[in-house]
Amino acid sequence: MRQPETNAQRRARRVRAKLQRINKTETPRLSVHRTNNQIYVQIIDDVKGITLAAASTLEGDLRKTGGNVAAATKVGALIAERAKSAKVSKVMFDRGSFRYHGRVKALAEAARAGGLEF
């Protein structure tokens, strides 16, 4: 017997299904993962199966800030900077099972302010 899906699993499946329908031009995906203490982000090329750029709160000066909105804003700016160096300007935002609120929203807004389009 199959276990019923949790709300988070349903959200993640719904978000990824929408991204697959939209992704006609093979645009890289900006994938976000968040835990209680950290936030991680990657720009992934699904066609080639490689990570083009990545950032998290575990790096250098950000390690001390932890998993708050200010740290998420810094990670968003950092991923935008690394995307520019990887010659990526347009991405699809994949929030996974996480709601577009708080740290996820702060990261997205900082990445947009840094020059990423999504």
PDB file of N, CA and C in Angstrom:
ATOM      1  N   MET A   1       0.847  -1.184   0.000  1.00  0.00           N
ATOM      2  CA  MET A   1       0.000   0.000   0.000  1.00  0.00           C
ATOM      3  C   MET A   1       0.888   1.242   0.000  1.00  0.00           C
ATOM      4  N   ARG A   2       0.528   2.208  -0.829  1.00  0.00           N
ATOM      5  CA  ARG A   2       1.328   3.418  -0.958  1.00  0.00           C
ATOM      6  C   ARG A   2       1.023   4.411   0.148  1.00  0.00           C
ATOM      7  N   GLN A   3       2.070   5.060   0.652  1.00  0.00           N
ATOM      8  CA  GLN A   3       1.892   6.077   1.684  1.00  0.00           C
ATOM      9  C   GLN A   3       1.305   7.336   1.063  1.00  0.00           C
ATOM     10  N   PRO A   4       0.430   8.033   1.759  1.00  0.00           N
ATOM     11  CA  PRO A   4      -0.091   9.298   1.207  1.00  0.00           C
ATOM     12  C   PRO A   4       1.003  10.357   1.165  1.00  0.00           C
ATOM     13  N   GLU A   5       0.910  11.245   0.178  1.00  0.00           N
ATOM     14  CA  GLU A   5       1.900  12.311   0.036  1.00  0.00           C
ATOM     15  C   GLU A   5       1.703  13.372   1.109  1.00  0.00           C
ATOM     16  N   THR A   6       2.810  13.951   1.534  1.00  0.00           N
ATOM     17  CA  THR A   6       2.726  15.075   2.455  1.00  0.00           C
ATOM     18  C   THR A   6       2.473  16.342   1.643  1.00  0.00           C
ATOM     19  N   ASN A   7       2.121  17.410   2.315  1.00  0.00           N
ATOM     20  CA  ASN A   7       1.903  18.683   1.624  1.00  0.00           C
ATOM     21  C   ASN A   7       3.169  19.155   0.920  1.00  0.00           C
ATOM     22  N   ALA A   8       4.320  18.957   1.553  1.00  0.00           N
ATOM     23  CA  ALA A   8       5.595  19.375   0.957  1.00  0.00           C
ATOM     24  C   ALA A   8       5.880  18.589  -0.318  1.00  0.00           C
ATOM     25  N   GLN A   9       5.622  17.302  -0.313  1.00  0.00           N
ATOM     26  CA  GLN A   9       5.847  16.486  -1.508  1.00  0.00           C
ATOM     27  C   GLN A   9       4.920  16.903  -2.644  1.00  0.00           C
ATOM     28  N   ARG A  10       3.679  17.207  -2.314  1.00  0.00           N
ATOM     29  CA  ARG A  10       2.714  17.663  -3.326  1.00  0.00           C
ATOM     30  C   ARG A  10       3.154  18.996  -3.929  1.00  0.00           C
ATOM     31  N   ARG A  11       3.609  19.924  -3.064  1.00  0.00           N
ATOM     32  CA  ARG A  11       4.085  21.226  -3.537  1.00  0.00           C
ATOM     33  C   ARG A  11       5.281  21.065  -4.464  1.00  0.00           C
ATOM     34  N   ALA A  12       6.238  20.235  -4.068  1.00  0.00           N
ATOM     35  CA  ALA A  12       7.445  20.026  -4.868  1.00  0.00           C
ATOM     36  C   ALA A  12       7.087  19.427  -6.229  1.00  0.00           C
ATOM     37  N   ARG A  13       6.193  18.452  -6.243  1.00  0.00           N
ATOM     38  CA  ARG A  13       5.790  17.825  -7.503  1.00  0.00           C
ATOM     39  C   ARG A  13       5.089  18.823  -8.408  1.00  0.00           C
ATOM     40  N   ARG A  14       4.233  19.651  -7.831  1.00  0.00           N
ATOM     41  CA  ARG A  14       3.499  20.659  -8.604  1.00  0.00           C
ATOM     42  C   ARG A  14       4.449  21.709  -9.191  1.00  0.00           C
ATOM     43  N   VAL A  15       5.405  22.183  -8.398  1.00  0.00           N
ATOM     44  CA  VAL A  15       6.354  23.201  -8.867  1.00  0.00           C
ATOM     45  C   VAL A  15       7.215  22.639  -9.989  1.00  0.00           C
ATOM     46  N   ARG A  16       7.744  21.441  -9.828  1.00  0.00           N
ATOM     47  CA  ARG A  16       8.615  20.856 -10.849  1.00  0.00           C
ATOM     48  C   ARG A  16       7.843  20.548 -12.124  1.00  0.00           C
ATOM     49  N   ALA A  17       6.567  20.157 -12.011  1.00  0.00           N
ATOM     50  CA  ALA A  17       5.761  19.892 -13.206  1.00  0.00           C
ATOM     51  C   ALA A  17       5.554  21.182 -14.001  1.00  0.00           C
ATOM     52  N   LYS A  18       5.313  22.280 -13.306  1.00  0.00           N
ATOM     53  CA  LYS A  18       5.153  23.567 -13.994  1.00  0.00           C
ATOM     54  C   LYS A  18       6.444  23.978 -14.678  1.00  0.00           C
ATOM     55  N   LEU A  19       7.580  23.756 -14.017  1.00  0.00           N
ATOM     56  CA  LEU A  19       8.867  24.110 -14.603  1.00  0.00           C
ATOM     57  C   LEU A  19       9.136  23.300 -15.867  1.00  0.00           C
ATOM     58  N   GLN A  20       8.759  22.034 -15.880  1.00  0.00           N
ATOM     59  CA  GLN A  20       8.965  21.206 -17.063  1.00  0.00           C
ATOM     60  C   GLN A  20       8.109  21.676 -18.231  1.00  0.00           C
ATOM     61  N   ARG A  21       6.884  22.117 -17.948  1.00  0.00           N
ATOM     62  CA  ARG A  21       6.014  22.623 -19.022  1.00  0.00           C
ATOM     63  C   ARG A  21       6.539  23.936 -19.583  1.00  0.00           C
ATOM     64  N   ILE A  22       7.077  24.787 -18.723  1.00  0.00           N
ATOM     65  CA  ILE A  22       7.561  26.104 -19.141  1.00  0.00           C
ATOM     66  C   ILE A  22       8.890  26.000 -19.877  1.00  0.00           C
ATOM     67  N   ASN A  23       9.728  25.063 -19.497  1.00  0.00           N
ATOM     68  CA  ASN A  23      11.104  25.021 -19.980  1.00  0.00           C
ATOM     69  C   ASN A  23      11.193  24.509 -21.415  1.00  0.00           C
ATOM     70  N   LYS A  24      10.818  25.337 -22.358  1.00  0.00           N
ATOM     71  CA  LYS A  24      10.901  24.982 -23.774  1.00  0.00           C
ATOM     72  C   LYS A  24      12.278  25.330 -24.343  1.00  0.00           C
ATOM     73  N   THR A  25      12.971  26.304 -23.738  1.00  0.00           N
ATOM     74  CA  THR A  25      14.247  26.776 -24.273  1.00  0.00           C
ATOM     75  C   THR A  25      15.447  26.204 -23.528  1.00  0.00           C
ATOM     76  N   GLU A  26      15.224  25.219 -22.682  1.00  0.00           N
ATOM     77  CA  GLU A  26      16.311  24.577 -21.943  1.00  0.00           C
ATOM     78  C   GLU A  26      17.085  25.580 -21.082  1.00  0.00           C
ATOM     79  N   THR A  27      16.360  26.430 -20.373  1.00  0.00           N
ATOM     80  CA  THR A  27      16.939  27.417 -19.470  1.00  0.00           C
ATOM     81  C   THR A  27      17.464  26.733 -18.208  1.00  0.00           C
ATOM     82  N   PRO A  28      18.615  27.147 -17.668  1.00  0.00           N
ATOM     83  CA  PRO A  28      19.096  26.565 -16.415  1.00  0.00           C
ATOM     84  C   PRO A  28      18.116  26.826 -15.267  1.00  0.00           C
ATOM     85  N   ARG A  29      18.193  25.989 -14.267  1.00  0.00           N
ATOM     86  CA  ARG A  29      17.265  26.038 -13.144  1.00  0.00           C
ATOM     87  C   ARG A  29      18.002  26.528 -11.905  1.00  0.00           C
ATOM     88  N   LEU A  30      17.413  27.500 -11.186  1.00  0.00           N
ATOM     89  CA  LEU A  30      17.946  27.989  -9.920  1.00  0.00           C
ATOM     90  C   LEU A  30      17.220  27.230  -8.812  1.00  0.00           C
ATOM     91  N   SER A  31      17.882  26.242  -8.244  1.00  0.00           N
ATOM     92  CA  SER A  31      17.269  25.355  -7.269  1.00  0.00           C
ATOM     93  C   SER A  31      17.635  25.790  -5.855  1.00  0.00           C
ATOM     94  N   VAL A  32      16.624  25.899  -4.997  1.00  0.00           N
ATOM     95  CA  VAL A  32      16.817  26.358  -3.617  1.00  0.00           C
ATOM     96  C   VAL A  32      16.510  25.218  -2.654  1.00  0.00           C
ATOM     97  N   HIS A  33      17.361  25.064  -1.655  1.00  0.00           N
ATOM     98  CA  HIS A  33      17.094  24.130  -0.565  1.00  0.00           C
ATOM     99  C   HIS A  33      17.359  24.871   0.739  1.00  0.00           C
ATOM    100  N   ARG A  34      16.460  24.690   1.682  1.00  0.00           N
ATOM    101  CA  ARG A  34      16.621  25.386   2.954  1.00  0.00           C
ATOM    102  C   ARG A  34      16.410  24.406   4.094  1.00  0.00           C
ATOM    103  N   THR A  35      17.210  24.595   5.142  1.00  0.00           N
ATOM    104  CA  THR A  35      17.028  23.853   6.384  1.00  0.00           C
ATOM    105  C   THR A  35      16.786  24.880   7.478  1.00  0.00           C
ATOM    106  N   ASN A  36      16.637  24.421   8.693  1.00  0.00           N
ATOM    107  CA  ASN A  36      16.428  25.369   9.786  1.00  0.00           C
ATOM    108  C   ASN A  36      17.626  26.284   9.984  1.00  0.00           C
ATOM    109  N   ASN A  37      18.828  25.785   9.700  1.00  0.00           N
ATOM    110  CA  ASN A  37      20.039  26.550   9.987  1.00  0.00           C
ATOM    111  C   ASN A  37      20.762  27.088   8.762  1.00  0.00           C
ATOM    112  N   GLN A  38      20.499  26.557   7.578  1.00  0.00           N
ATOM    113  CA  GLN A  38      21.257  26.933   6.387  1.00  0.00           C
ATOM    114  C   GLN A  38      20.329  27.137   5.195  1.00  0.00           C
ATOM    115  N   ILE A  39      20.873  27.748   4.134  1.00  0.00           N
ATOM    116  CA  ILE A  39      20.178  27.854   2.864  1.00  0.00           C
ATOM    117  C   ILE A  39      21.197  27.618   1.754  1.00  0.00           C
ATOM    118  N   TYR A  40      20.801  26.812   0.774  1.00  0.00           N
ATOM    119  CA  TYR A  40      21.682  26.408  -0.318  1.00  0.00           C
ATOM    120  C   TYR A  40      21.003  26.748  -1.638  1.00  0.00           C
ATOM    121  N   VAL A  41      21.792  27.120  -2.641  1.00  0.00           N
ATOM    122  CA  VAL A  41      21.240  27.418  -3.960  1.00  0.00           C
ATOM    123  C   VAL A  41      22.226  26.963  -5.023  1.00  0.00           C
ATOM    124  N   GLN A  42      21.673  26.420  -6.129  1.00  0.00           N
ATOM    125  CA  GLN A  42      22.493  25.955  -7.245  1.00  0.00           C
ATOM    126  C   GLN A  42      21.853  26.387  -8.547  1.00  0.00           C
ATOM    127  N   ILE A  43      22.672  26.658  -9.553  1.00  0.00           N
ATOM    128  CA  ILE A  43      22.177  26.846 -10.909  1.00  0.00           C
ATOM    129  C   ILE A  43      22.553  25.582 -11.664  1.00  0.00           C
ATOM    130  N   ILE A  44      21.532  24.866 -12.130  1.00  0.00           N
ATOM    131  CA  ILE A  44      21.718  23.543 -12.712  1.00  0.00           C
ATOM    132  C   ILE A  44      21.313  23.559 -14.178  1.00  0.00           C
ATOM    133  N   ASP A  45      22.166  22.994 -15.041  1.00  0.00           N
ATOM    134  CA  ASP A  45      21.831  22.773 -16.441  1.00  0.00           C
ATOM    135  C   ASP A  45      21.323  21.342 -16.537  1.00  0.00           C
ATOM    136  N   ASP A  46      20.003  21.171 -16.652  1.00  0.00           N
ATOM    137  CA  ASP A  46      19.409  19.843 -16.655  1.00  0.00           C
ATOM    138  C   ASP A  46      19.697  19.073 -17.933  1.00  0.00           C
ATOM    139  N   VAL A  47      19.958  19.761 -19.027  1.00  0.00           N
ATOM    140  CA  VAL A  47      20.254  19.088 -20.290  1.00  0.00           C
ATOM    141  C   VAL A  47      21.596  18.363 -20.191  1.00  0.00           C
ATOM    142  N   LYS A  48      22.619  19.058 -19.697  1.00  0.00           N
ATOM    143  CA  LYS A  48      23.947  18.462 -19.558  1.00  0.00           C
ATOM    144  C   LYS A  48      24.112  17.726 -18.234  1.00  0.00           C
ATOM    145  N   GLY A  49      23.244  18.020 -17.272  1.00  0.00           N
ATOM    146  CA  GLY A  49      23.323  17.367 -15.971  1.00  0.00           C
ATOM    147  C   GLY A  49      24.471  17.863 -15.121  1.00  0.00           C
ATOM    148  N   ILE A  50      24.761  19.178 -15.203  1.00  0.00           N
ATOM    149  CA  ILE A  50      25.872  19.735 -14.427  1.00  0.00           C
ATOM    150  C   ILE A  50      25.415  20.957 -13.633  1.00  0.00           C
ATOM    151  N   THR A  51      26.145  21.234 -12.565  1.00  0.00           N
ATOM    152  CA  THR A  51      25.916  22.433 -11.768  1.00  0.00           C
ATOM    153  C   THR A  51      26.823  23.532 -12.298  1.00  0.00           C
ATOM    154  N   LEU A  52      26.222  24.653 -12.700  1.00  0.00           N
ATOM    155  CA  LEU A  52      26.982  25.767 -13.260  1.00  0.00           C
ATOM    156  C   LEU A  52      27.531  26.689 -12.181  1.00  0.00           C
ATOM    157  N   ALA A  53      26.775  26.869 -11.102  1.00  0.00           N
ATOM    158  CA  ALA A  53      27.194  27.736  -9.997  1.00  0.00           C
ATOM    159  C   ALA A  53      26.458  27.310  -8.735  1.00  0.00           C
ATOM    160  N   ALA A  54      27.061  27.566  -7.595  1.00  0.00           N
ATOM    161  CA  ALA A  54      26.435  27.205  -6.322  1.00  0.00           C
ATOM    162  C   ALA A  54      26.869  28.184  -5.244  1.00  0.00           C
ATOM    163  N   ALA A  55      26.025  28.335  -4.229  1.00  0.00           N
ATOM    164  CA  ALA A  55      26.345  29.179  -3.070  1.00  0.00           C
ATOM    165  C   ALA A  55      25.534  28.675  -1.882  1.00  0.00           C
ATOM    166  N   SER A  56      26.035  28.917  -0.688  1.00  0.00           N
ATOM    167  CA  SER A  56      25.302  28.537   0.514  1.00  0.00           C
ATOM    168  C   SER A  56      25.798  29.350   1.699  1.00  0.00           C
ATOM    169  N   THR A  57      25.111  29.191   2.818  1.00  0.00           N
ATOM    170  CA  THR A  57      25.518  29.895   4.030  1.00  0.00           C
ATOM    171  C   THR A  57      26.659  29.171   4.737  1.00  0.00           C
ATOM    172  N   LEU A  58      27.170  28.107   4.143  1.00  0.00           N
ATOM    173  CA  LEU A  58      28.311  27.397   4.731  1.00  0.00           C
ATOM    174  C   LEU A  58      29.643  27.949   4.249  1.00  0.00           C
ATOM    175  N   GLU A  59      29.624  28.964   3.394  1.00  0.00           N
ATOM    176  CA  GLU A  59      30.850  29.493   2.801  1.00  0.00           C
ATOM    177  C   GLU A  59      31.390  30.688   3.574  1.00  0.00           C
ATOM    178  N   GLY A  60      32.671  30.668   3.843  1.00  0.00           N
ATOM    179  CA  GLY A  60      33.417  31.805   4.378  1.00  0.00           C
ATOM    180  C   GLY A  60      32.715  32.633   5.434  1.00  0.00           C
ATOM    181  N   ASP A  61      32.508  33.912   5.128  1.00  0.00           N
ATOM    182  CA  ASP A  61      31.912  34.848   6.080  1.00  0.00           C
ATOM    183  C   ASP A  61      30.452  34.521   6.372  1.00  0.00           C
ATOM    184  N   LEU A  62      29.779  33.884   5.449  1.00  0.00           N
ATOM    185  CA  LEU A  62      28.359  33.578   5.637  1.00  0.00           C
ATOM    186  C   LEU A  62      28.133  32.493   6.674  1.00  0.00           C
ATOM    187  N   ARG A  63      29.157  31.713   6.967  1.00  0.00           N
ATOM    188  CA  ARG A  63      29.017  30.624   7.944  1.00  0.00           C
ATOM    189  C   ARG A  63      28.569  31.148   9.302  1.00  0.00           C
ATOM    190  N   LYS A  64      29.009  32.336   9.657  1.00  0.00           N
ATOM    191  CA  LYS A  64      28.695  32.903  10.970  1.00  0.00           C
ATOM    192  C   LYS A  64      27.282  33.474  11.036  1.00  0.00           C
ATOM    193  N   THR A  65      26.691  33.797   9.867  1.00  0.00           N
ATOM    194  CA  THR A  65      25.390  34.464   9.873  1.00  0.00           C
ATOM    195  C   THR A  65      24.240  33.507  10.126  1.00  0.00           C
ATOM    196  N   GLY A  66      24.380  32.238   9.735  1.00  0.00           N
ATOM    197  CA  GLY A  66      23.326  31.262   9.978  1.00  0.00           C
ATOM    198  C   GLY A  66      22.208  31.346   8.975  1.00  0.00           C
ATOM    199  N   GLY A  67      21.053  30.813   9.340  1.00  0.00           N
ATOM    200  CA  GLY A  67      19.941  30.707   8.408  1.00  0.00           C
ATOM    201  C   GLY A  67      18.876  31.743   8.640  1.00  0.00           C
ATOM    202  N   ASN A  68      19.200  33.024   8.459  1.00  0.00           N
ATOM    203  CA  ASN A  68      18.197  34.063   8.611  1.00  0.00           C
ATOM    204  C   ASN A  68      18.006  34.807   7.295  1.00  0.00           C
ATOM    205  N   VAL A  69      17.105  35.759   7.259  1.00  0.00           N
ATOM    206  CA  VAL A  69      16.777  36.488   6.033  1.00  0.00           C
ATOM    207  C   VAL A  69      17.984  37.275   5.526  1.00  0.00           C
ATOM    208  N   ALA A  70      18.764  37.860   6.429  1.00  0.00           N
ATOM    209  CA  ALA A  70      19.945  38.617   6.012  1.00  0.00           C
ATOM    210  C   ALA A  70      20.959  37.706   5.322  1.00  0.00           C
ATOM    211  N   ALA A  71      21.142  36.508   5.844  1.00  0.00           N
ATOM    212  CA  ALA A  71      22.063  35.553   5.228  1.00  0.00           C
ATOM    213  C   ALA A  71      21.546  35.107   3.865  1.00  0.00           C
ATOM    214  N   ALA A  72      20.240  34.890   3.754  1.00  0.00           N
ATOM    215  CA  ALA A  72      19.642  34.485   2.475  1.00  0.00           C
ATOM    216  C   ALA A  72      19.821  35.580   1.429  1.00  0.00           C
ATOM    217  N   THR A  73      19.735  36.825   1.850  1.00  0.00           N
ATOM    218  CA  THR A  73      19.948  37.947   0.935  1.00  0.00           C
ATOM    219  C   THR A  73      21.387  37.947   0.422  1.00  0.00           C
ATOM    220  N   LYS A  74      22.340  37.686   1.300  1.00  0.00           N
ATOM    221  CA  LYS A  74      23.746  37.642   0.890  1.00  0.00           C
ATOM    222  C   LYS A  74      24.008  36.479  -0.065  1.00  0.00           C
ATOM    223  N   VAL A  75      23.374  35.337   0.192  1.00  0.00           N
ATOM    224  CA  VAL A  75      23.535  34.178  -0.687  1.00  0.00           C
ATOM    225  C   VAL A  75      22.930  34.468  -2.055  1.00  0.00           C
ATOM    226  N   GLY A  76      21.796  35.169  -2.096  1.00  0.00           N
ATOM    227  CA  GLY A  76      21.183  35.547  -3.371  1.00  0.00           C
ATOM    228  C   GLY A  76      22.079  36.456  -4.186  1.00  0.00           C
ATOM    229  N   ALA A  77      22.712  37.412  -3.522  1.00  0.00           N
ATOM    230  CA  ALA A  77      23.641  38.298  -4.229  1.00  0.00           C
ATOM    231  C   ALA A  77      24.865  37.524  -4.715  1.00  0.00           C
ATOM    232  N   LEU A  78      25.335  36.585  -3.914  1.00  0.00           N
ATOM    233  CA  LEU A  78      26.499  35.787  -4.273  1.00  0.00           C
ATOM    234  C   LEU A  78      26.221  34.885  -5.476  1.00  0.00           C
ATOM    235  N   ILE A  79      25.042  34.269  -5.516  1.00  0.00           N
ATOM    236  CA  ILE A  79      24.726  33.393  -6.646  1.00  0.00           C
ATOM    237  C   ILE A  79      24.541  34.211  -7.923  1.00  0.00           C
ATOM    238  N   ALA A  80      24.027  35.424  -7.815  1.00  0.00           N
ATOM    239  CA  ALA A  80      23.892  36.280  -8.994  1.00  0.00           C
ATOM    240  C   ALA A  80      25.269  36.637  -9.546  1.00  0.00           C
ATOM    241  N   GLU A  81      26.197  36.915  -8.661  1.00  0.00           N
ATOM    242  CA  GLU A  81      27.569  37.237  -9.072  1.00  0.00           C
ATOM    243  C   GLU A  81      28.236  36.037  -9.748  1.00  0.00           C
ATOM    244  N   ARG A  82      28.045  34.851  -9.167  1.00  0.00           N
ATOM    245  CA  ARG A  82      28.639  33.640  -9.745  1.00  0.00           C
ATOM    246  C   ARG A  82      27.963  33.256 -11.057  1.00  0.00           C
ATOM    247  N   ALA A  83      26.691  33.560 -11.183  1.00  0.00           N
ATOM    248  CA  ALA A  83      25.991  33.283 -12.444  1.00  0.00           C
ATOM    249  C   ALA A  83      26.543  34.151 -13.564  1.00  0.00           C
ATOM    250  N   LYS A  84      26.835  35.403 -13.237  1.00  0.00           N
ATOM    251  CA  LYS A  84      27.429  36.294 -14.243  1.00  0.00           C
ATOM    252  C   LYS A  84      28.772  35.757 -14.711  1.00  0.00           C
ATOM    253  N   SER A  85      29.582  35.272 -13.781  1.00  0.00           N
ATOM    254  CA  SER A  85      30.888  34.740 -14.169  1.00  0.00           C
ATOM    255  C   SER A  85      30.751  33.446 -14.969  1.00  0.00           C
ATOM    256  N   ALA A  86      29.635  32.721 -14.798  1.00  0.00           N
ATOM    257  CA  ALA A  86      29.375  31.509 -15.575  1.00  0.00           C
ATOM    258  C   ALA A  86      28.606  31.821 -16.857  1.00  0.00           C
ATOM    259  N   LYS A  87      28.405  33.132 -17.132  1.00  0.00           N
ATOM    260  CA  LYS A  87      27.703  33.606 -18.331  1.00  0.00           C
ATOM    261  C   LYS A  87      26.252  33.124 -18.389  1.00  0.00           C
ATOM    262  N   VAL A  88      25.588  33.156 -17.229  1.00  0.00           N
ATOM    263  CA  VAL A  88      24.169  32.814 -17.140  1.00  0.00           C
ATOM    264  C   VAL A  88      23.430  34.063 -16.701  1.00  0.00           C
ATOM    265  N   SER A  89      22.412  34.454 -17.479  1.00  0.00           N
ATOM    266  CA  SER A  89      21.659  35.650 -17.109  1.00  0.00           C
ATOM    267  C   SER A  89      20.188  35.343 -16.852  1.00  0.00           C
ATOM    268  N   LYS A  90      19.676  34.259 -17.439  1.00  0.00           N
ATOM    269  CA  LYS A  90      18.264  33.921 -17.285  1.00  0.00           C
ATOM    270  C   LYS A  90      18.135  32.507 -16.734  1.00  0.00           C
ATOM    271  N   VAL A  91      17.319  32.354 -15.679  1.00  0.00           N
ATOM    272  CA  VAL A  91      17.113  31.057 -15.043  1.00  0.00           C
ATOM    273  C   VAL A  91      15.634  30.862 -14.739  1.00  0.00           C
ATOM    274  N   MET A  92      15.277  29.621 -14.399  1.00  0.00           N
ATOM    275  CA  MET A  92      13.945  29.316 -13.879  1.00  0.00           C
ATOM    276  C   MET A  92      14.099  29.121 -12.374  1.00  0.00           C
ATOM    277  N   PHE A  93      13.223  29.703 -11.599  1.00  0.00           N
ATOM    278  CA  PHE A  93      13.321  29.617 -10.136  1.00  0.00           C
ATOM    279  C   PHE A  93      12.601  28.372  -9.652  1.00  0.00           C
ATOM    280  N   ASP A  94      13.341  27.440  -9.067  1.00  0.00           N
ATOM    281  CA  ASP A  94      12.791  26.197  -8.538  1.00  0.00           C
ATOM    282  C   ASP A  94      12.862  26.251  -7.027  1.00  0.00           C
ATOM    283  N   ARG A  95      11.747  26.564  -6.395  1.00  0.00           N
ATOM    284  CA  ARG A  95      11.729  26.662  -4.942  1.00  0.00           C
ATOM    285  C   ARG A  95      11.491  25.307  -4.288  1.00  0.00           C
ATOM    286  N   GLY A  96      11.250  24.291  -5.070  1.00  0.00           N
ATOM    287  CA  GLY A  96      11.024  22.949  -4.527  1.00  0.00           C
ATOM    288  C   GLY A  96       9.767  22.911  -3.683  1.00  0.00           C
ATOM    289  N   SER A  97       9.857  22.349  -2.503  1.00  0.00           N
ATOM    290  CA  SER A  97       8.697  22.240  -1.626  1.00  0.00           C
ATOM    291  C   SER A  97       8.575  23.422  -0.668  1.00  0.00           C
ATOM    292  N   PHE A  98       9.442  24.425  -0.847  1.00  0.00           N
ATOM    293  CA  PHE A  98       9.471  25.555   0.081  1.00  0.00           C
ATOM    294  C   PHE A  98       8.596  26.688  -0.421  1.00  0.00           C
ATOM    295  N   ARG A  99       7.810  27.255   0.449  1.00  0.00           N
ATOM    296  CA  ARG A  99       6.923  28.348   0.072  1.00  0.00           C
ATOM    297  C   ARG A  99       7.727  29.603  -0.235  1.00  0.00           C
ATOM    298  N   TYR A 100       7.204  30.407  -1.151  1.00  0.00           N
ATOM    299  CA  TYR A 100       7.874  31.654  -1.547  1.00  0.00           C
ATOM    300  C   TYR A 100       7.588  32.690  -0.465  1.00  0.00           C
ATOM    301  N   HIS A 101       8.356  32.615   0.611  1.00  0.00           N
ATOM    302  CA  HIS A 101       8.125  33.443   1.788  1.00  0.00           C
ATOM    303  C   HIS A 101       9.401  33.458   2.609  1.00  0.00           C
ATOM    304  N   GLY A 102       9.663  34.537   3.314  1.00  0.00           N
ATOM    305  CA  GLY A 102      10.799  34.605   4.229  1.00  0.00           C
ATOM    306  C   GLY A 102      12.135  34.507   3.532  1.00  0.00           C
ATOM    307  N   ARG A 103      12.923  33.496   3.914  1.00  0.00           N
ATOM    308  CA  ARG A 103      14.286  33.357   3.392  1.00  0.00           C
ATOM    309  C   ARG A 103      14.316  33.047   1.899  1.00  0.00           C
ATOM    310  N   VAL A 104      13.372  32.246   1.413  1.00  0.00           N
ATOM    311  CA  VAL A 104      13.337  31.905  -0.012  1.00  0.00           C
ATOM    312  C   VAL A 104      13.029  33.154  -0.830  1.00  0.00           C
ATOM    313  N   LYS A 105      12.092  33.953  -0.363  1.00  0.00           N
ATOM    314  CA  LYS A 105      11.742  35.190  -1.054  1.00  0.00           C
ATOM    315  C   LYS A 105      12.908  36.185  -1.019  1.00  0.00           C
ATOM    316  N   ALA A 106      13.585  36.305   0.114  1.00  0.00           N
ATOM    317  CA  ALA A 106      14.726  37.218   0.239  1.00  0.00           C
ATOM    318  C   ALA A 106      15.848  36.808  -0.712  1.00  0.00           C
ATOM    319  N   LEU A 107      16.107  35.513  -0.826  1.00  0.00           N
ATOM    320  CA  LEU A 107      17.131  35.023  -1.739  1.00  0.00           C
ATOM    321  C   LEU A 107      16.762  35.359  -3.189  1.00  0.00           C
ATOM    322  N   ALA A 108      15.509  35.122  -3.557  1.00  0.00           N
ATOM    323  CA  ALA A 108      15.066  35.389  -4.922  1.00  0.00           C
ATOM    324  C   ALA A 108      15.165  36.880  -5.270  1.00  0.00           C
ATOM    325  N   GLU A 109      14.745  37.734  -4.362  1.00  0.00           N
ATOM    326  CA  GLU A 109      14.792  39.173  -4.620  1.00  0.00           C
ATOM    327  C   GLU A 109      16.234  39.672  -4.737  1.00  0.00           C
ATOM    328  N   ALA A 110      17.134  39.136  -3.919  1.00  0.00           N
ATOM    329  CA  ALA A 110      18.546  39.534  -3.994  1.00  0.00           C
ATOM    330  C   ALA A 110      19.174  39.057  -5.306  1.00  0.00           C
ATOM    331  N   ALA A 111      18.789  37.859  -5.755  1.00  0.00           N
ATOM    332  CA  ALA A 111      19.316  37.344  -7.015  1.00  0.00           C
ATOM    333  C   ALA A 111      18.811  38.204  -8.192  1.00  0.00           C
ATOM    334  N   ARG A 112      17.550  38.615  -8.133  1.00  0.00           N
ATOM    335  CA  ARG A 112      17.012  39.514  -9.171  1.00  0.00           C
ATOM    336  C   ARG A 112      17.743  40.848  -9.155  1.00  0.00           C
ATOM    337  N   ALA A 113      17.963  41.382  -7.964  1.00  0.00           N
ATOM    338  CA  ALA A 113      18.670  42.663  -7.854  1.00  0.00           C
ATOM    339  C   ALA A 113      20.105  42.548  -8.356  1.00  0.00           C
ATOM    340  N   GLY A 114      20.689  41.350  -8.246  1.00  0.00           N
ATOM    341  CA  GLY A 114      22.044  41.116  -8.728  1.00  0.00           C
ATOM    342  C   GLY A 114      22.136  40.916 -10.228  1.00  0.00           C
ATOM    343  N   GLY A 115      20.996  40.850 -10.918  1.00  0.00           N
ATOM    344  CA  GLY A 115      21.023  40.770 -12.374  1.00  0.00           C
ATOM    345  C   GLY A 115      20.457  39.498 -12.976  1.00  0.00           C
ATOM    346  N   LEU A 116      20.044  38.532 -12.155  1.00  0.00           N
ATOM    347  CA  LEU A 116      19.448  37.332 -12.718  1.00  0.00           C
ATOM    348  C   LEU A 116      18.005  37.601 -13.129  1.00  0.00           C
ATOM    349  N   GLU A 117      17.592  37.036 -14.251  1.00  0.00           N
ATOM    350  CA  GLU A 117      16.204  37.162 -14.715  1.00  0.00           C
ATOM    351  C   GLU A 117      15.474  35.848 -14.492  1.00  0.00           C
ATOM    352  N   PHE A 118      14.295  35.929 -13.858  1.00  0.00           N
ATOM    353  CA  PHE A 118      13.390  34.775 -13.759  1.00  0.00           C
ATOM    354  C   PHE A 118      12.015  35.249 -13.406  1.00  0.00           C
TER     355      PHE A 118
END
